[in-house]
């Protein structure tokens, strides 16, 4: 009989839905997902088709009693979220049963002052602190922090986010690049945490030095006017695309030469493996989980200090002036560096970690 696995998570993001759908197709476990919300007000992605067993608690609060029952009888319960009361209730319920469960999360610690976040987590995750429950970190970036915060008396697993990278690989195979133009792409929310203001400042300086560089900005957010004003002096070299649904992103990757991910902090950053799969060398920061996981400077991109417009400019200057053969070598290495990060790889890793998490409970 397949193990019964229940996941409690925040909302239906496209990445998680893809992974959970693939797990259902794999058939190696009986999976059910409890989403607290179907959508979030600040996430405008279209809902992907869901083929796994699931419930949206926000829409069906009356089913909470049944969810509690399933939390108690599943072989493993994975908590991917803890900040709202329903998740807290379910986590405390499972912990009291002393049956296999684990926590799966991004690296904590971005909010300032940091000690307040630490105190909040210490209270909200007190059941985790007091248990032997394994922790699945979303990348090495997260695993290292959780080890420091929760100690070494439990098992840790590296379980990052996965996505269907094949659609990005297809655009890489069909893309045609020319050294006459060097196009830098930013894809994400136009917010302070994503560092888009740093990118705007760096690009203005870059464009004054090099005549063949262009910037394409895919996304929307509260900093849009600020960065448009910043980039106004080089507006003939900048294109604002606005919000683009997740399914439409590969076409913009195919038209770029480099992906810029200048985040001051990002627990994972799915754009990094997407860019690499599309054959784009990536400029990412040492405070971005996926950049720490995949980037090797001058082999498939550049890993730079977070928060530094100067470091970003230096990497962009080097990138823009790469000879054609050097660029092609970096692009090839970019694609190869995520060859083991397919949805199938993620589903198999999930199943293996679930089995181990149950086994280590004995």
Protein backbone atom coordinates (compact mmCIF):
# COMPACT_ATOMS: atom_id res chain seq x y z
CA UNK A 1 0.00 0.00 0.00
CA UNK A 2 1.34 3.45 -0.92
CA UNK A 3 2.15 5.80 1.92
CA UNK A 4 -0.48 8.46 2.58
CA UNK A 5 1.09 11.93 2.49
CA UNK A 6 -0.75 15.14 3.33
CA UNK A 7 0.77 18.57 2.65
CA UNK A 8 -0.44 21.74 4.36
CA UNK A 9 0.61 24.82 2.39
CA UNK A 10 -0.25 28.49 1.94
CA UNK A 11 -1.79 28.87 -1.53
CA UNK A 12 -1.82 27.30 -4.97
CA UNK A 13 1.37 28.61 -6.59
CA UNK A 14 2.06 27.29 -10.12
CA UNK A 15 5.33 25.70 -9.01
CA UNK A 16 3.81 23.64 -6.23
CA UNK A 17 0.79 22.64 -8.31
CA UNK A 18 3.12 21.36 -11.04
CA UNK A 19 5.11 19.29 -8.56
CA UNK A 20 2.06 17.87 -6.81
CA UNK A 21 0.47 17.01 -10.15
CA UNK A 22 3.64 15.16 -11.16
CA UNK A 23 3.66 13.28 -7.85
CA UNK A 24 0.11 12.11 -8.53
CA UNK A 25 1.13 10.99 -12.01
CA UNK A 26 4.14 9.15 -10.54
CA UNK A 27 1.80 7.18 -8.29
CA UNK A 28 4.39 6.44 -5.61
CA UNK A 29 2.28 7.86 -2.79
CA UNK A 30 -1.30 8.82 -2.02
CA UNK A 31 -1.03 12.59 -1.95
CA UNK A 32 -3.51 15.16 -0.66
CA UNK A 33 -2.84 18.89 -0.39
CA UNK A 34 -4.54 21.32 1.97
CA UNK A 35 -4.25 24.86 0.59
CA UNK A 36 -5.21 27.60 3.02
CA UNK A 37 -6.03 29.89 0.07
CA UNK A 38 -6.65 29.47 -3.60
CA UNK A 39 -5.13 32.84 -4.53
CA UNK A 40 -3.29 35.69 -2.83
CA UNK A 41 -4.22 39.29 -3.55
CA UNK A 42 -0.69 40.18 -4.73
CA UNK A 43 -0.19 37.12 -6.97
CA UNK A 44 -1.84 37.46 -10.37
CA UNK A 45 -0.87 34.14 -11.93
CA UNK A 46 -3.57 32.16 -13.65
CA UNK A 47 -4.54 29.01 -11.78
CA UNK A 48 -2.98 25.88 -13.24
CA UNK A 49 -5.13 22.80 -13.62
CA UNK A 50 -5.01 20.70 -10.46
CA UNK A 51 -5.15 16.92 -10.84
CA UNK A 52 -4.10 15.95 -7.31
CA UNK A 53 -6.47 15.54 -4.37
CA UNK A 54 -6.83 18.90 -2.66
CA UNK A 55 -9.00 21.29 -0.70
CA UNK A 56 -8.97 25.08 -0.37
CA UNK A 57 -9.82 25.80 3.25
CA UNK A 58 -10.66 29.43 2.56
CA UNK A 59 -13.51 28.32 0.28
CA UNK A 60 -14.68 25.40 2.43
CA UNK A 61 -14.19 26.22 6.12
CA UNK A 62 -16.87 23.66 6.99
CA UNK A 63 -14.53 20.86 5.92
CA UNK A 64 -11.95 21.73 8.58
CA UNK A 65 -13.13 18.89 10.82
CA UNK A 66 -12.48 16.40 8.01
CA UNK A 67 -9.06 17.94 7.38
CA UNK A 68 -8.22 17.50 11.07
CA UNK A 69 -9.17 13.84 10.76
CA UNK A 70 -6.92 13.37 7.72
CA UNK A 71 -4.04 15.09 9.50
CA UNK A 72 -4.33 12.46 12.21
CA UNK A 73 -4.57 9.40 9.98
CA UNK A 74 -1.98 10.19 7.25
CA UNK A 75 1.33 8.36 7.31
CA UNK A 76 3.22 11.65 6.95
CA UNK A 77 2.10 15.27 7.23
CA UNK A 78 4.31 17.95 5.65
CA UNK A 79 3.82 21.52 6.85
CA UNK A 80 4.96 24.04 4.25
CA UNK A 81 3.40 26.98 6.11
CA UNK A 82 2.78 27.92 9.73
CA UNK A 83 1.96 31.63 10.06
CA UNK A 84 -1.86 31.48 10.01
CA UNK A 85 -4.07 30.00 12.70
CA UNK A 86 -5.47 27.00 10.72
CA UNK A 87 -1.93 25.83 9.93
CA UNK A 88 -0.94 26.30 13.59
CA UNK A 89 -3.91 24.24 14.77
CA UNK A 90 -3.14 21.41 12.35
CA UNK A 91 0.59 21.43 13.15
CA UNK A 92 -0.05 21.30 16.90
CA UNK A 93 -2.60 18.52 16.39
CA UNK A 94 -0.17 16.35 14.44
CA UNK A 95 2.71 17.05 16.84
CA UNK A 96 0.57 15.94 19.78
CA UNK A 97 -0.10 12.61 18.05
CA UNK A 98 3.66 11.92 17.91
CA UNK A 99 3.43 10.41 14.43
CA UNK A 100 5.69 11.28 11.47
CA UNK A 101 5.56 14.88 10.31
CA UNK A 102 8.07 17.38 9.00
CA UNK A 103 8.46 21.06 8.22
CA UNK A 104 9.33 22.24 4.69
CA UNK A 105 10.32 25.86 4.27
CA UNK A 106 12.43 28.60 2.73
CA UNK A 107 15.33 30.14 4.61
CA UNK A 108 14.04 32.39 7.39
CA UNK A 109 15.59 35.62 8.57
CA UNK A 110 14.87 38.44 6.09
CA UNK A 111 12.71 40.63 8.30
CA UNK A 112 14.52 43.29 10.30
CA UNK A 113 15.27 43.46 13.15
CA UNK A 114 16.12 39.79 12.79
CA UNK A 115 15.75 38.93 16.46
CA UNK A 116 12.02 39.70 16.28
CA UNK A 117 11.60 37.13 13.53
CA UNK A 118 13.60 34.65 15.58
CA UNK A 119 11.36 35.19 18.62
CA UNK A 120 8.23 34.85 16.46
CA UNK A 121 9.44 31.59 14.90
CA UNK A 122 10.51 30.27 18.27
CA UNK A 123 6.94 30.71 19.50
CA UNK A 124 5.03 29.65 16.39
CA UNK A 125 7.29 26.67 15.72
CA UNK A 126 7.72 25.66 19.36
CA UNK A 127 6.37 22.21 18.56
CA UNK A 128 9.05 21.81 15.92
CA UNK A 129 11.77 22.93 18.36
CA UNK A 130 10.59 20.38 20.88
CA UNK A 131 10.32 17.47 18.44
CA UNK A 132 12.51 15.19 16.34
CA UNK A 133 10.58 16.14 13.17
CA UNK A 134 12.80 16.38 10.07
CA UNK A 135 13.19 19.71 8.28
CA UNK A 136 13.11 19.97 4.51
CA UNK A 137 14.95 23.14 3.53
CA UNK A 138 14.20 24.79 0.21
CA UNK A 139 17.79 24.66 -1.00
CA UNK A 140 21.16 24.55 0.78
CA UNK A 141 20.65 28.22 1.65
CA UNK A 142 17.70 27.20 3.85
CA UNK A 143 19.16 23.96 5.23
CA UNK A 144 22.20 25.79 6.64
CA UNK A 145 20.05 28.35 8.43
CA UNK A 146 17.67 25.76 9.87
CA UNK A 147 20.59 23.71 11.18
CA UNK A 148 21.88 26.77 13.02
CA UNK A 149 18.46 27.61 14.42
CA UNK A 150 17.06 24.16 15.21
CA UNK A 151 20.19 22.14 16.00
CA UNK A 152 21.59 18.89 14.67
CA UNK A 153 19.48 16.33 16.51
CA UNK A 154 17.12 15.81 13.57
CA UNK A 155 17.36 14.87 9.90
CA UNK A 156 17.66 17.61 7.27
CA UNK A 157 16.80 17.31 3.57
CA UNK A 158 17.40 19.65 0.65
CA UNK A 159 14.02 19.88 -1.10
CA UNK A 160 13.90 23.03 -3.25
CA UNK A 161 11.11 24.17 -5.54
CA UNK A 162 10.94 22.50 -8.94
CA UNK A 163 9.33 23.62 -12.17
CA UNK A 164 8.73 22.32 -15.67
CA UNK A 165 11.99 23.57 -17.20
CA UNK A 166 11.41 21.81 -20.52
CA UNK A 167 9.55 24.80 -21.94
CA UNK A 168 12.57 27.00 -21.17
CA UNK A 169 14.94 24.43 -22.67
CA UNK A 170 12.90 24.48 -25.87
CA UNK A 171 13.32 28.24 -26.24
CA UNK A 172 17.06 27.85 -25.63
CA UNK A 173 17.29 25.41 -28.52
CA UNK A 174 15.54 27.80 -30.91
CA UNK A 175 17.08 31.10 -29.73
CA UNK A 176 19.36 33.05 -32.03
CA UNK A 177 21.89 35.35 -30.34
CA UNK A 178 24.01 38.13 -31.78
CA UNK A 179 26.93 39.97 -30.23
CA UNK A 180 25.65 43.18 -31.83
CA UNK A 181 23.05 43.50 -29.05
CA UNK A 182 23.26 42.38 -25.44
CA UNK A 183 19.86 42.20 -23.79
CA UNK A 184 19.58 41.95 -20.00
CA UNK A 185 16.30 40.61 -18.64
CA UNK A 186 14.67 41.21 -15.27
CA UNK A 187 11.63 39.07 -14.46
CA UNK A 188 9.84 39.53 -11.16
CA UNK A 189 7.94 41.86 -8.86
CA UNK A 190 9.08 45.48 -8.91
CA UNK A 191 9.70 45.67 -5.17
CA UNK A 192 12.61 46.66 -2.94
CA UNK A 193 13.42 43.09 -1.90
CA UNK A 194 13.97 42.07 -5.54
CA UNK A 195 16.62 44.78 -6.01
CA UNK A 196 15.14 46.22 -9.18
CA UNK A 197 16.18 49.72 -8.04
CA UNK A 198 19.79 48.53 -7.88
CA UNK A 199 19.46 47.18 -11.40
CA UNK A 200 18.07 50.48 -12.69
CA UNK A 201 21.02 52.43 -11.28
CA UNK A 202 23.55 49.92 -12.59
CA UNK A 203 22.01 49.87 -16.07
CA UNK A 204 22.09 53.66 -16.43
CA UNK A 205 25.83 53.56 -15.76
CA UNK A 206 26.28 50.56 -18.07
CA UNK A 207 24.38 52.19 -20.95
CA UNK A 208 26.58 55.29 -20.72
CA UNK A 209 29.67 53.11 -21.24
CA UNK A 210 28.41 50.63 -23.84
CA UNK A 211 26.21 51.42 -26.86
CA UNK A 212 24.92 47.88 -27.50
CA UNK A 213 23.20 47.06 -24.19
CA UNK A 214 19.45 46.90 -23.63
CA UNK A 215 17.23 46.14 -20.66
CA UNK A 216 13.86 44.38 -20.71
CA UNK A 217 11.78 44.50 -17.52
CA UNK A 218 9.04 41.88 -17.12
CA UNK A 219 6.88 42.50 -14.07
CA UNK A 220 4.93 45.09 -12.14
CA UNK A 221 4.87 46.50 -8.66
CA UNK A 222 5.06 49.57 -6.43
CA UNK A 223 8.55 50.61 -7.60
CA UNK A 224 7.55 50.88 -11.24
CA UNK A 225 7.40 54.69 -11.34
CA UNK A 226 10.65 55.03 -9.40
CA UNK A 227 12.61 52.82 -11.78
CA UNK A 228 10.96 54.32 -14.85
CA UNK A 229 12.13 57.75 -13.65
CA UNK A 230 15.61 56.37 -12.93
CA UNK A 231 15.85 54.83 -16.40
CA UNK A 232 14.36 57.80 -18.25
CA UNK A 233 17.80 59.04 -19.35
CA UNK A 234 18.32 55.78 -21.29
CA UNK A 235 14.66 55.13 -22.17
CA UNK A 236 15.49 54.26 -25.78
CA UNK A 237 17.35 51.19 -24.44
CA UNK A 238 14.70 49.99 -21.99
CA UNK A 239 11.46 48.10 -22.55
CA UNK A 240 8.82 47.65 -19.85
CA UNK A 241 6.70 44.58 -20.52
CA UNK A 242 4.54 44.71 -17.38
CA UNK A 243 2.97 41.74 -15.68
CA UNK A 244 3.21 38.55 -17.73
CA UNK A 245 1.55 35.31 -16.80
CA UNK A 246 3.81 32.46 -15.87
CA UNK A 247 3.03 30.40 -18.98
CA UNK A 248 4.10 33.25 -21.27
CA UNK A 249 7.55 33.83 -19.75
CA UNK A 250 9.67 31.54 -21.99
CA UNK A 251 9.24 33.77 -25.04
CA UNK A 252 10.84 36.69 -23.17
CA UNK A 253 13.72 34.53 -22.00
CA UNK A 254 14.33 33.48 -25.61
CA UNK A 255 14.85 37.13 -26.62
CA UNK A 256 17.41 37.88 -23.88
CA UNK A 257 21.12 37.21 -23.45
CA UNK A 258 21.44 37.45 -19.66
CA UNK A 259 19.08 37.22 -16.70
CA UNK A 260 19.56 39.64 -13.80
CA UNK A 261 18.35 38.51 -10.36
CA UNK A 262 19.65 41.29 -8.06
CA UNK A 263 17.52 40.36 -5.04
CA UNK A 264 18.50 41.72 -1.66
CA UNK A 265 16.91 38.52 -0.37
CA UNK A 266 14.99 35.64 -1.91
CA UNK A 267 14.40 32.34 -0.13
CA UNK A 268 14.61 30.49 -3.43
CA UNK A 269 14.02 32.42 -6.68
CA UNK A 270 12.60 30.13 -9.35
CA UNK A 271 13.68 32.56 -12.08
CA UNK A 272 17.28 31.40 -11.60
CA UNK A 273 16.84 27.77 -12.78
CA UNK A 274 14.36 28.97 -15.41
CA UNK A 275 16.94 31.39 -16.82
CA UNK A 276 19.67 28.77 -16.74
CA UNK A 277 17.41 26.25 -18.49
CA UNK A 278 16.78 28.86 -21.18
CA UNK A 279 20.53 29.07 -21.77
CA UNK A 280 20.92 32.47 -20.11
CA UNK A 281 23.96 33.10 -17.95
CA UNK A 282 22.51 34.51 -14.71
CA UNK A 283 23.71 37.35 -12.51
CA UNK A 284 22.39 36.51 -9.04
CA UNK A 285 23.15 37.39 -5.43
CA UNK A 286 24.50 35.49 -2.46
CA UNK A 287 21.21 36.08 -0.64
CA UNK A 288 19.12 34.23 -3.24
CA UNK A 289 18.63 30.54 -2.52
CA UNK A 290 18.64 29.26 -6.11
CA UNK A 291 21.64 31.43 -7.02
CA UNK A 292 23.60 29.96 -4.11
CA UNK A 293 22.48 26.49 -5.23
CA UNK A 294 23.36 26.72 -8.92
CA UNK A 295 25.60 29.64 -9.84
CA UNK A 296 29.33 29.28 -10.28
CA UNK A 297 30.88 32.60 -11.23
CA UNK A 298 32.16 32.79 -14.79
CA UNK A 299 30.99 29.23 -15.52
CA UNK A 300 27.24 29.74 -15.84
CA UNK A 301 26.87 33.29 -14.56
CA UNK A 302 28.01 35.53 -11.72
CA UNK A 303 27.30 35.24 -7.99
CA UNK A 304 27.61 38.73 -6.49
CA UNK A 305 27.12 40.31 -3.05
CA UNK A 306 23.51 41.30 -2.39
CA UNK A 307 22.67 44.99 -2.12
CA UNK A 308 25.60 46.27 -4.21
CA UNK A 309 24.85 48.24 -7.36
CA UNK A 310 28.60 48.45 -8.02
CA UNK A 311 28.99 44.66 -7.95
CA UNK A 312 26.00 44.34 -10.25
CA UNK A 313 27.47 46.86 -12.69
CA UNK A 314 30.82 45.06 -12.70
CA UNK A 315 29.16 41.74 -13.58
CA UNK A 316 27.02 43.36 -16.28
CA UNK A 317 30.06 45.05 -17.81
CA UNK A 318 31.92 41.75 -17.96
CA UNK A 319 28.87 39.98 -19.38
CA UNK A 320 28.18 42.57 -22.07
CA UNK A 321 31.77 42.46 -23.34
CA UNK A 322 32.11 38.69 -23.55
CA UNK A 323 33.45 37.43 -26.88
CA UNK A 324 30.95 35.30 -28.80
CA UNK A 325 32.73 32.00 -28.10
CA UNK A 326 32.95 32.74 -24.36
CA UNK A 327 29.28 33.64 -24.29
CA UNK A 328 28.31 30.41 -26.04
CA UNK A 329 30.35 28.41 -23.54
CA UNK A 330 28.63 30.10 -20.58
CA UNK A 331 25.22 29.59 -22.18
CA UNK A 332 25.89 25.88 -22.69
CA UNK A 333 27.07 25.52 -19.08
CA UNK A 334 23.96 27.37 -17.93
CA UNK A 335 21.65 24.79 -19.47
CA UNK A 336 23.74 21.87 -18.25
CA UNK A 337 23.80 23.15 -14.68
CA UNK A 338 20.06 22.49 -14.21
CA UNK A 339 19.88 19.23 -16.17
CA UNK A 340 19.08 17.37 -12.93
CA UNK A 341 16.38 19.77 -11.82
CA UNK A 342 13.38 18.50 -13.78
CA UNK A 343 9.90 17.99 -12.38
CA UNK A 344 10.52 14.26 -12.47
CA UNK A 345 13.68 14.72 -10.39
CA UNK A 346 11.71 16.77 -7.89
CA UNK A 347 8.91 14.21 -7.62
CA UNK A 348 11.35 11.36 -7.04
CA UNK A 349 13.25 13.37 -4.45
CA UNK A 350 9.99 14.22 -2.66
CA UNK A 351 8.99 10.53 -2.47
CA UNK A 352 12.43 9.44 -1.24
CA UNK A 353 12.50 12.12 1.45
CA UNK A 354 8.96 11.26 2.52
CA UNK A 355 9.94 7.63 2.98
CA UNK A 356 13.07 8.60 4.89
CA UNK A 357 11.10 11.01 7.09
CA UNK A 358 8.76 8.19 8.09
CA UNK A 359 11.63 5.75 8.62
CA UNK A 360 13.65 8.13 10.82
CA UNK A 361 10.66 8.51 13.13
CA UNK A 362 10.97 4.94 14.35
